[in-house]
Structure formats: C-alpha cells, structure tokens
C-alpha atoms as a PDB file:
ATOM      1  CA  UNK A   1      -0.116   0.269   0.296  1.00  0.00           C
ATOM      2  CA  UNK A   2       2.677   2.398   1.044  1.00  0.00           C
ATOM      3  CA  UNK A   3       4.495   1.492  -2.401  1.00  0.00           C
ATOM      4  CA  UNK A   4       1.455   3.095  -4.124  1.00  0.00           C
ATOM      5  CA  UNK A   5       0.653   5.787  -2.647  1.00  0.00           C
ATOM      6  CA  UNK A   6       4.412   6.806  -3.068  1.00  0.00           C
ATOM      7  CA  UNK A   7       4.021   6.069  -6.803  1.00  0.00           C
ATOM      8  CA  UNK A   8       1.216   8.383  -6.878  1.00  0.00           C
ATOM      9  CA  UNK A   9       2.979  10.959  -5.201  1.00  0.00           C
ATOM     10  CA  UNK A  10       5.748  10.914  -7.078  1.00  0.00           C
ATOM     11  CA  UNK A  11       3.758  10.827 -10.467  1.00  0.00           C
ATOM     12  CA  UNK A  12       1.970  13.923  -9.085  1.00  0.00           C
ATOM     13  CA  UNK A  13       5.024  15.868  -8.352  1.00  0.00           C
ATOM     14  CA  UNK A  14       6.785  14.891 -11.724  1.00  0.00           C
ATOM     15  CA  UNK A  15       3.791  15.850 -13.247  1.00  0.00           C
ATOM     16  CA  UNK A  16       3.759  19.470 -11.672  1.00  0.00           C
ATOM     17  CA  UNK A  17       7.215  19.855 -12.335  1.00  0.00           C
ATOM     18  CA  UNK A  18       7.604  18.625 -15.761  1.00  0.00           C
ATOM     19  CA  UNK A  19       4.467  19.739 -17.353  1.00  0.00           C
ATOM     20  CA  UNK A  20       3.419  22.564 -15.120  1.00  0.00           C
ATOM     21  CA  UNK A  21       6.523  24.806 -13.823  1.00  0.00           C
ATOM     22  CA  UNK A  22       9.326  23.953 -16.383  1.00  0.00           C
ATOM     23  CA  UNK A  23       7.386  24.151 -19.163  1.00  0.00           C
ATOM     24  CA  UNK A  24       6.377  27.816 -18.222  1.00  0.00           C
ATOM     25  CA  UNK A  25      10.020  29.035 -18.340  1.00  0.00           C
ATOM     26  CA  UNK A  26      12.022  29.952 -21.715  1.00  0.00           C
ATOM     27  CA  UNK A  27      13.961  27.114 -22.575  1.00  0.00           C
ATOM     28  CA  UNK A  28      17.554  28.752 -21.334  1.00  0.00           C
ATOM     29  CA  UNK A  29      15.833  29.637 -17.781  1.00  0.00           C
ATOM     30  CA  UNK A  30      14.208  26.075 -18.009  1.00  0.00           C
ATOM     31  CA  UNK A  31      17.573  24.673 -18.618  1.00  0.00           C
ATOM     32  CA  UNK A  32      19.217  25.756 -15.612  1.00  0.00           C
ATOM     33  CA  UNK A  33      16.333  24.837 -13.626  1.00  0.00           C
ATOM     34  CA  UNK A  34      16.107  21.779 -14.787  1.00  0.00           C
ATOM     35  CA  UNK A  35      20.009  20.917 -14.366  1.00  0.00           C
ATOM     36  CA  UNK A  36      19.704  22.083 -10.797  1.00  0.00           C
ATOM     37  CA  UNK A  37      16.651  19.924  -9.812  1.00  0.00           C
ATOM     38  CA  UNK A  38      18.332  17.068 -11.660  1.00  0.00           C
ATOM     39  CA  UNK A  39      21.353  17.074  -9.168  1.00  0.00           C
ATOM     40  CA  UNK A  40      19.444  17.685  -6.047  1.00  0.00           C
ATOM     41  CA  UNK A  41      16.842  14.847  -7.152  1.00  0.00           C
ATOM     42  CA  UNK A  42      19.615  12.294  -7.807  1.00  0.00           C
ATOM     43  CA  UNK A  43      21.167  12.629  -4.593  1.00  0.00           C
ATOM     44  CA  UNK A  44      18.109  12.118  -2.759  1.00  0.00           C
ATOM     45  CA  UNK A  45      16.873   9.603  -5.324  1.00  0.00           C
ATOM     46  CA  UNK A  46      20.420   7.408  -4.952  1.00  0.00           C
ATOM     47  CA  UNK A  47      19.201   7.069  -1.473  1.00  0.00           C
ATOM     48  CA  UNK A  48      15.861   5.695  -1.684  1.00  0.00           C
ATOM     49  CA  UNK A  49      15.211   2.416  -3.756  1.00  0.00           C
ATOM     50  CA  UNK A  50      11.307   3.463  -4.517  1.00  0.00           C
ATOM     51  CA  UNK A  51      12.298   6.884  -5.330  1.00  0.00           C
ATOM     52  CA  UNK A  52      15.371   5.982  -7.939  1.00  0.00           C
ATOM     53  CA  UNK A  53      13.083   3.279  -9.201  1.00  0.00           C
ATOM     54  CA  UNK A  54      10.465   5.520 -10.049  1.00  0.00           C
ATOM     55  CA  UNK A  55      13.051   8.092 -11.454  1.00  0.00           C
ATOM     56  CA  UNK A  56      14.591   5.288 -13.912  1.00  0.00           C
ATOM     57  CA  UNK A  57      10.606   4.635 -15.130  1.00  0.00           C
ATOM     58  CA  UNK A  58      10.201   8.218 -15.622  1.00  0.00           C
ATOM     59  CA  UNK A  59      13.266   8.595 -17.637  1.00  0.00           C
ATOM     60  CA  UNK A  60      12.378   4.979 -19.744  1.00  0.00           C
ATOM     61  CA  UNK A  61      10.618   6.473 -22.485  1.00  0.00           C
ATOM     62  CA  UNK A  62      13.386   9.271 -23.472  1.00  0.00           C
ATOM     63  CA  UNK A  63      16.705   7.029 -23.307  1.00  0.00           C
ATOM     64  CA  UNK A  64      14.677   4.940 -25.215  1.00  0.00           C
ATOM     65  CA  UNK A  65      14.003   6.905 -27.789  1.00  0.00           C
ATOM     66  CA  UNK A  66      17.355   8.342 -27.470  1.00  0.00           C
ATOM     67  CA  UNK A  67      18.983   4.450 -27.987  1.00  0.00           C
ATOM     68  CA  UNK A  68      16.717   4.401 -30.961  1.00  0.00           C
ATOM     69  CA  UNK A  69      17.968   7.713 -32.708  1.00  0.00           C
ATOM     70  CA  UNK A  70      21.756   7.012 -31.928  1.00  0.00           C
ATOM     71  CA  UNK A  71      21.431   3.239 -33.490  1.00  0.00           C
ATOM     72  CA  UNK A  72      23.231   2.399 -30.163  1.00  0.00           C
ATOM     73  CA  UNK A  73      23.957  -1.512 -30.677  1.00  0.00           C
ATOM     74  CA  UNK A  74      25.437  -3.678 -28.016  1.00  0.00           C
ATOM     75  CA  UNK A  75      28.700  -3.922 -29.641  1.00  0.00           C
ATOM     76  CA  UNK A  76      29.116   0.087 -29.320  1.00  0.00           C
ATOM     77  CA  UNK A  77      31.469   1.673 -26.410  1.00  0.00           C
ATOM     78  CA  UNK A  78      29.188   4.251 -25.104  1.00  0.00           C
ATOM     79  CA  UNK A  79      30.308   7.118 -22.715  1.00  0.00           C
ATOM     80  CA  UNK A  80      27.649   9.213 -20.628  1.00  0.00           C
ATOM     81  CA  UNK A  81      29.624  12.583 -19.543  1.00  0.00           C
ATOM     82  CA  UNK A  82      27.455  13.724 -16.194  1.00  0.00           C
ATOM     83  CA  UNK A  83      26.565  10.760 -14.652  1.00  0.00           C
ATOM     84  CA  UNK A  84      25.595  12.364 -11.012  1.00  0.00           C
ATOM     85  CA  UNK A  85      24.831  10.039  -8.089  1.00  0.00           C
ATOM     86  CA  UNK A  86      22.148   8.060 -10.039  1.00  0.00           C
ATOM     87  CA  UNK A  87      23.689   7.011 -13.373  1.00  0.00           C
ATOM     88  CA  UNK A  88      19.872   6.368 -14.891  1.00  0.00           C
ATOM     89  CA  UNK A  89      21.170   6.661 -18.540  1.00  0.00           C
ATOM     90  CA  UNK A  90      23.686   4.236 -18.100  1.00  0.00           C
ATOM     91  CA  UNK A  91      21.475   1.917 -16.127  1.00  0.00           C
ATOM     92  CA  UNK A  92      18.818   2.172 -18.655  1.00  0.00           C
ATOM     93  CA  UNK A  93      21.223   1.323 -21.495  1.00  0.00           C
ATOM     94  CA  UNK A  94      22.469  -1.461 -19.597  1.00  0.00           C
ATOM     95  CA  UNK A  95      19.142  -3.210 -19.542  1.00  0.00           C
ATOM     96  CA  UNK A  96      18.679  -2.890 -23.114  1.00  0.00           C
ATOM     97  CA  UNK A  97      21.749  -3.512 -24.780  1.00  0.00           C
ATOM     98  CA  UNK A  98      25.358  -5.419 -23.691  1.00  0.00           C
ATOM     99  CA  UNK A  99      27.652  -2.404 -24.579  1.00  0.00           C
ATOM    100  CA  UNK A 100      30.402  -1.517 -22.712  1.00  0.00           C
ATOM    101  CA  UNK A 101      29.541   1.652 -20.691  1.00  0.00           C
ATOM    102  CA  UNK A 102      31.759   4.285 -19.155  1.00  0.00           C
ATOM    103  CA  UNK A 103      30.525   7.031 -17.083  1.00  0.00           C
ATOM    104  CA  UNK A 104      32.393  10.243 -16.303  1.00  0.00           C
ATOM    105  CA  UNK A 105      31.395  13.133 -13.580  1.00  0.00           C
ATOM    106  CA  UNK A 106      33.788  15.842 -12.010  1.00  0.00           C
ATOM    107  CA  UNK A 107      32.196  15.451  -8.624  1.00  0.00           C
ATOM    108  CA  UNK A 108      33.811  12.954  -6.626  1.00  0.00           C
ATOM    109  CA  UNK A 109      30.756  12.500  -3.837  1.00  0.00           C
ATOM    110  CA  UNK A 110      28.520  11.680  -6.861  1.00  0.00           C
ATOM    111  CA  UNK A 111      31.148   9.495  -8.467  1.00  0.00           C
ATOM    112  CA  UNK A 112      31.250   7.608  -5.250  1.00  0.00           C
ATOM    113  CA  UNK A 113      27.694   6.957  -4.961  1.00  0.00           C
ATOM    114  CA  UNK A 114      26.969   6.058  -8.047  1.00  0.00           C
ATOM    115  CA  UNK A 115      29.516   3.470  -7.650  1.00  0.00           C
ATOM    116  CA  UNK A 116      27.787   2.304  -4.801  1.00  0.00           C
ATOM    117  CA  UNK A 117      24.425   2.353  -6.675  1.00  0.00           C
ATOM    118  CA  UNK A 118      25.971   0.132  -9.552  1.00  0.00           C
ATOM    119  CA  UNK A 119      27.331  -2.359  -7.313  1.00  0.00           C
ATOM    120  CA  UNK A 120      24.175  -2.530  -5.429  1.00  0.00           C
ATOM    121  CA  UNK A 121      22.519  -3.098  -8.665  1.00  0.00           C
ATOM    122  CA  UNK A 122      25.074  -5.716  -9.785  1.00  0.00           C
ATOM    123  CA  UNK A 123      25.663  -3.772 -13.121  1.00  0.00           C
ATOM    124  CA  UNK A 124      29.538  -3.338 -12.512  1.00  0.00           C
ATOM    125  CA  UNK A 125      30.294  -5.686 -15.286  1.00  0.00           C
ATOM    126  CA  UNK A 126      28.389  -3.341 -17.654  1.00  0.00           C
ATOM    127  CA  UNK A 127      29.058   0.150 -16.194  1.00  0.00           C
ATOM    128  CA  UNK A 128      32.176   1.605 -15.241  1.00  0.00           C
ATOM    129  CA  UNK A 129      32.356   4.959 -13.108  1.00  0.00           C
ATOM    130  CA  UNK A 130      34.907   7.352 -13.464  1.00  0.00           C
ATOM    131  CA  UNK A 131      35.582  10.492 -12.103  1.00  0.00           C
ATOM    132  CA  UNK A 132      36.851  12.364 -14.934  1.00  0.00           C
ATOM    133  CA  UNK A 133      36.377  16.280 -16.460  1.00  0.00           C
ATOM    134  CA  UNK A 134      34.647  16.143 -19.630  1.00  0.00           C
ATOM    135  CA  UNK A 135      36.538  18.921 -21.068  1.00  0.00           C
ATOM    136  CA  UNK A 136      39.730  16.486 -21.589  1.00  0.00           C
ATOM    137  CA  UNK A 137      38.700  12.983 -21.018  1.00  0.00           C
ATOM    138  CA  UNK A 138      39.947  10.688 -24.273  1.00  0.00           C
ATOM    139  CA  UNK A 139      37.183   9.741 -26.447  1.00  0.00           C
ATOM    140  CA  UNK A 140      38.288   8.385 -29.626  1.00  0.00           C
ATOM    141  CA  UNK A 141      37.625   4.685 -28.645  1.00  0.00           C
ATOM    142  CA  UNK A 142      33.860   5.494 -28.151  1.00  0.00           C
ATOM    143  CA  UNK A 143      30.890   5.124 -30.928  1.00  0.00           C
ATOM    144  CA  UNK A 144      28.127   6.995 -28.957  1.00  0.00           C
ATOM    145  CA  UNK A 145      28.596   9.664 -26.398  1.00  0.00           C
ATOM    146  CA  UNK A 146      25.722  11.424 -24.006  1.00  0.00           C
ATOM    147  CA  UNK A 147      25.569  14.537 -22.619  1.00  0.00           C
ATOM    148  CA  UNK A 148      23.416  14.858 -19.810  1.00  0.00           C
ATOM    149  CA  UNK A 149      21.639  17.557 -17.854  1.00  0.00           C
ATOM    150  CA  UNK A 150      23.603  19.536 -15.542  1.00  0.00           C
ATOM    151  CA  UNK A 151      27.104  19.997 -17.509  1.00  0.00           C
ATOM    152  CA  UNK A 152      29.481  22.635 -16.409  1.00  0.00           C
ATOM    153  CA  UNK A 153      31.946  23.855 -18.988  1.00  0.00           C
ATOM    154  CA  UNK A 154      29.391  22.444 -21.840  1.00  0.00           C
ATOM    155  CA  UNK A 155      31.191  24.718 -24.656  1.00  0.00           C
ATOM    156  CA  UNK A 156      34.666  23.419 -23.585  1.00  0.00           C
ATOM    157  CA  UNK A 157      32.894  19.694 -23.915  1.00  0.00           C
ATOM    158  CA  UNK A 158      31.711  20.829 -27.322  1.00  0.00           C
ATOM    159  CA  UNK A 159      35.204  21.753 -28.308  1.00  0.00           C
ATOM    160  CA  UNK A 160      37.099  18.955 -26.878  1.00  0.00           C
ATOM    161  CA  UNK A 161      34.462  16.309 -28.941  1.00  0.00           C
ATOM    162  CA  UNK A 162      34.397  18.506 -31.834  1.00  0.00           C
ATOM    163  CA  UNK A 163      38.340  17.863 -31.948  1.00  0.00           C
ATOM    164  CA  UNK A 164      38.982  14.384 -30.351  1.00  0.00           C
ATOM    165  CA  UNK A 165      36.148  12.395 -30.684  1.00  0.00           C
ATOM    166  CA  UNK A 166      36.107   9.572 -33.028  1.00  0.00           C
ATOM    167  CA  UNK A 167      35.386  10.495 -36.756  1.00  0.00           C
ATOM    168  CA  UNK A 168      31.937   8.565 -36.619  1.00  0.00           C
ATOM    169  CA  UNK A 169      30.956   9.080 -33.157  1.00  0.00           C
ATOM    170  CA  UNK A 170      27.217   9.463 -32.353  1.00  0.00           C
ATOM    171  CA  UNK A 171      26.827  12.587 -29.627  1.00  0.00           C
ATOM    172  CA  UNK A 172      23.216  12.379 -27.874  1.00  0.00           C
ATOM    173  CA  UNK A 173      23.110  15.960 -26.434  1.00  0.00           C
ATOM    174  CA  UNK A 174      20.040  16.199 -23.622  1.00  0.00           C
ATOM    175  CA  UNK A 175      18.370  19.519 -23.293  1.00  0.00           C
ATOM    176  CA  UNK A 176      15.618  21.557 -23.530  1.00  0.00           C
ATOM    177  CA  UNK A 177      13.517  21.550 -26.671  1.00  0.00           C
ATOM    178  CA  UNK A 178      10.933  24.434 -26.733  1.00  0.00           C
ATOM    179  CA  UNK A 179       9.104  26.140 -29.579  1.00  0.00           C
ATOM    180  CA  UNK A 180       9.957  25.751 -33.348  1.00  0.00           C
ATOM    181  CA  UNK A 181      11.933  29.162 -33.371  1.00  0.00           C
ATOM    182  CA  UNK A 182      13.789  28.210 -30.035  1.00  0.00           C
ATOM    183  CA  UNK A 183      14.791  24.983 -31.409  1.00  0.00           C
ATOM    184  CA  UNK A 184      16.129  26.560 -34.655  1.00  0.00           C
ATOM    185  CA  UNK A 185      17.847  28.568 -32.366  1.00  0.00           C
ATOM    186  CA  UNK A 186      19.534  26.041 -30.638  1.00  0.00           C
ATOM    187  CA  UNK A 187      20.392  24.189 -33.858  1.00  0.00           C
ATOM    188  CA  UNK A 188      22.493  27.465 -35.527  1.00  0.00           C
ATOM    189  CA  UNK A 189      24.450  27.441 -31.915  1.00  0.00           C
ATOM    190  CA  UNK A 190      25.478  23.552 -32.023  1.00  0.00           C
ATOM    191  CA  UNK A 191      26.263  23.993 -35.650  1.00  0.00           C
ATOM    192  CA  UNK A 192      29.250  25.994 -34.672  1.00  0.00           C
ATOM    193  CA  UNK A 193      30.783  22.882 -33.363  1.00  0.00           C
ATOM    194  CA  UNK A 194      28.170  19.610 -35.084  1.00  0.00           C
ATOM    195  CA  UNK A 195      26.458  18.362 -37.536  1.00  0.00           C
ATOM    196  CA  UNK A 196      22.693  18.761 -36.147  1.00  0.00           C
ATOM    197  CA  UNK A 197      21.442  15.222 -37.729  1.00  0.00           C
ATOM    198  CA  UNK A 198      18.153  14.519 -35.712  1.00  0.00           C
ATOM    199  CA  UNK A 199      16.313  15.065 -32.666  1.00  0.00           C
ATOM    200  CA  UNK A 200      13.354  13.931 -30.214  1.00  0.00           C
ATOM    201  CA  UNK A 201      11.371  15.265 -27.743  1.00  0.00           C
ATOM    202  CA  UNK A 202      10.106  13.447 -24.315  1.00  0.00           C
ATOM    203  CA  UNK A 203       6.294  13.078 -24.064  1.00  0.00           C
ATOM    204  CA  UNK A 204       6.401  12.138 -20.630  1.00  0.00           C
ATOM    205  CA  UNK A 205       9.516  14.537 -19.446  1.00  0.00           C
ATOM    206  CA  UNK A 206       8.316  17.667 -21.489  1.00  0.00           C
ATOM    207  CA  UNK A 207      10.097  20.290 -22.041  1.00  0.00           C
ATOM    208  CA  UNK A 208      13.114  17.479 -22.149  1.00  0.00           C
ATOM    209  CA  UNK A 209      14.565  16.645 -25.733  1.00  0.00           C
ATOM    210  CA  UNK A 210      17.700  15.542 -27.351  1.00  0.00           C
ATOM    211  CA  UNK A 211      19.596  16.305 -30.168  1.00  0.00           C
ATOM    212  CA  UNK A 212      21.883  14.105 -32.503  1.00  0.00           C
ATOM    213  CA  UNK A 213      24.988  15.519 -32.989  1.00  0.00           C
ATOM    214  CA  UNK A 214      27.843  14.085 -35.505  1.00  0.00           C
ATOM    215  CA  UNK A 215      31.399  15.507 -36.271  1.00  0.00           C
ATOM    216  CA  UNK A 216      31.904  18.117 -38.986  1.00  0.00           C
ATOM    217  CA  UNK A 217      33.648  16.424 -42.229  1.00  0.00           C
END
C-alpha cells in the first residue's frame, strides 16, 4: 500500500514540475532550472530504492528514444558525460543493450554514490564509473556519447568532442527543446561545433528532448 501511495505521489510531483512549472519557463531558464533540480533530485533518489525505481521509469521513454535515434547497438562503446549520483542513462542502456558503458563525472562524492548504486544493482560488469573531467577525457574509442543535464563548461566539452572524438561517433545532447523558433536557434548554436542530424522530444518529460550530433567532415 505504501509503495502505491509513493508511486502516485511521485507521479503527481513530476507532472507538476515537468508539465506545469518548467514548461512555463523560457528554454534557457528552464534548462538551468532542470539542471539544478536533477542534480539535487538524483542525490536524494540514490538513497531510496522506491524513489530511484520511479526515477528510472520516468526516464525510460526518453532514453529509449535516444537509443533508437543513435542507432546504439550492443557492440558500441558508450560514454556518458555527467552521470551524477544516480547514473540512470547508463542503467537504462545496460537494461536494453550489452554495450560497454563508461560514466564520468567531475564530482567525487557523486562518483562514489554512483559506484555504490551500480554495485548494489550488480551492474559493475556493464557500467564503469570514473571521476573525470568531460573537457579533456579521451573520447577516441567511443561510438556513442551522451551529454546529460547539469553539465558545467558545456562549450569546452563541445570543443573537446568536436576535435577529439571518433570520426563517426554519435553524440546525444540532452537539453530543453521549446518552440520551433527556439529549436532553430539551438540548432544554429550547436552547428558551430557539429552537424545536427536529428532530434527527439520526450512525451513524459516535457520540455526535455535530445539532439543527435555528428562530427563535421
């Protein structure tokens, strides 16, 4: 009974936040709000299984769309930049594919918490957690690279990937996708570094979405 109540409460809170509050902010402000909220929320969710399981369910639709858009296969080497305390992107990929996944984060405490979460869920053979800086981490061996919410020095990371990532790597950039005009502005900005190949929007986490980025030839 308590689990059902918790699930309903969680669904209510996420509905209010994603469809009520964040959707009313301009994309730039919404992105900052969501970045901050995710970092805090993941630290809490990491400590409570009932919350983390709901959090995974909440993200499932978005990550499924990202996997499909990237054409991610079990043979790919995957890098997640900005895994946080609760490496949900990596966990959801590991549930779908046999790909080897490396998750990096610059926050030592978050990395320690993520390592414990992965071990508790017996995923250490699929997911490697590393404390590292996304602005200079070696990316040549990775086929698919995910850029999550809450990243610091985003433009420095873009520069690093544009110059140092694998030639045919697929980069998934998770962000806020607003109106068509706002989307066109974001694409123009991202085009400074990459070719913007495709995009998806989440139905369960509006205004969340992702762009598929490719290295310029």
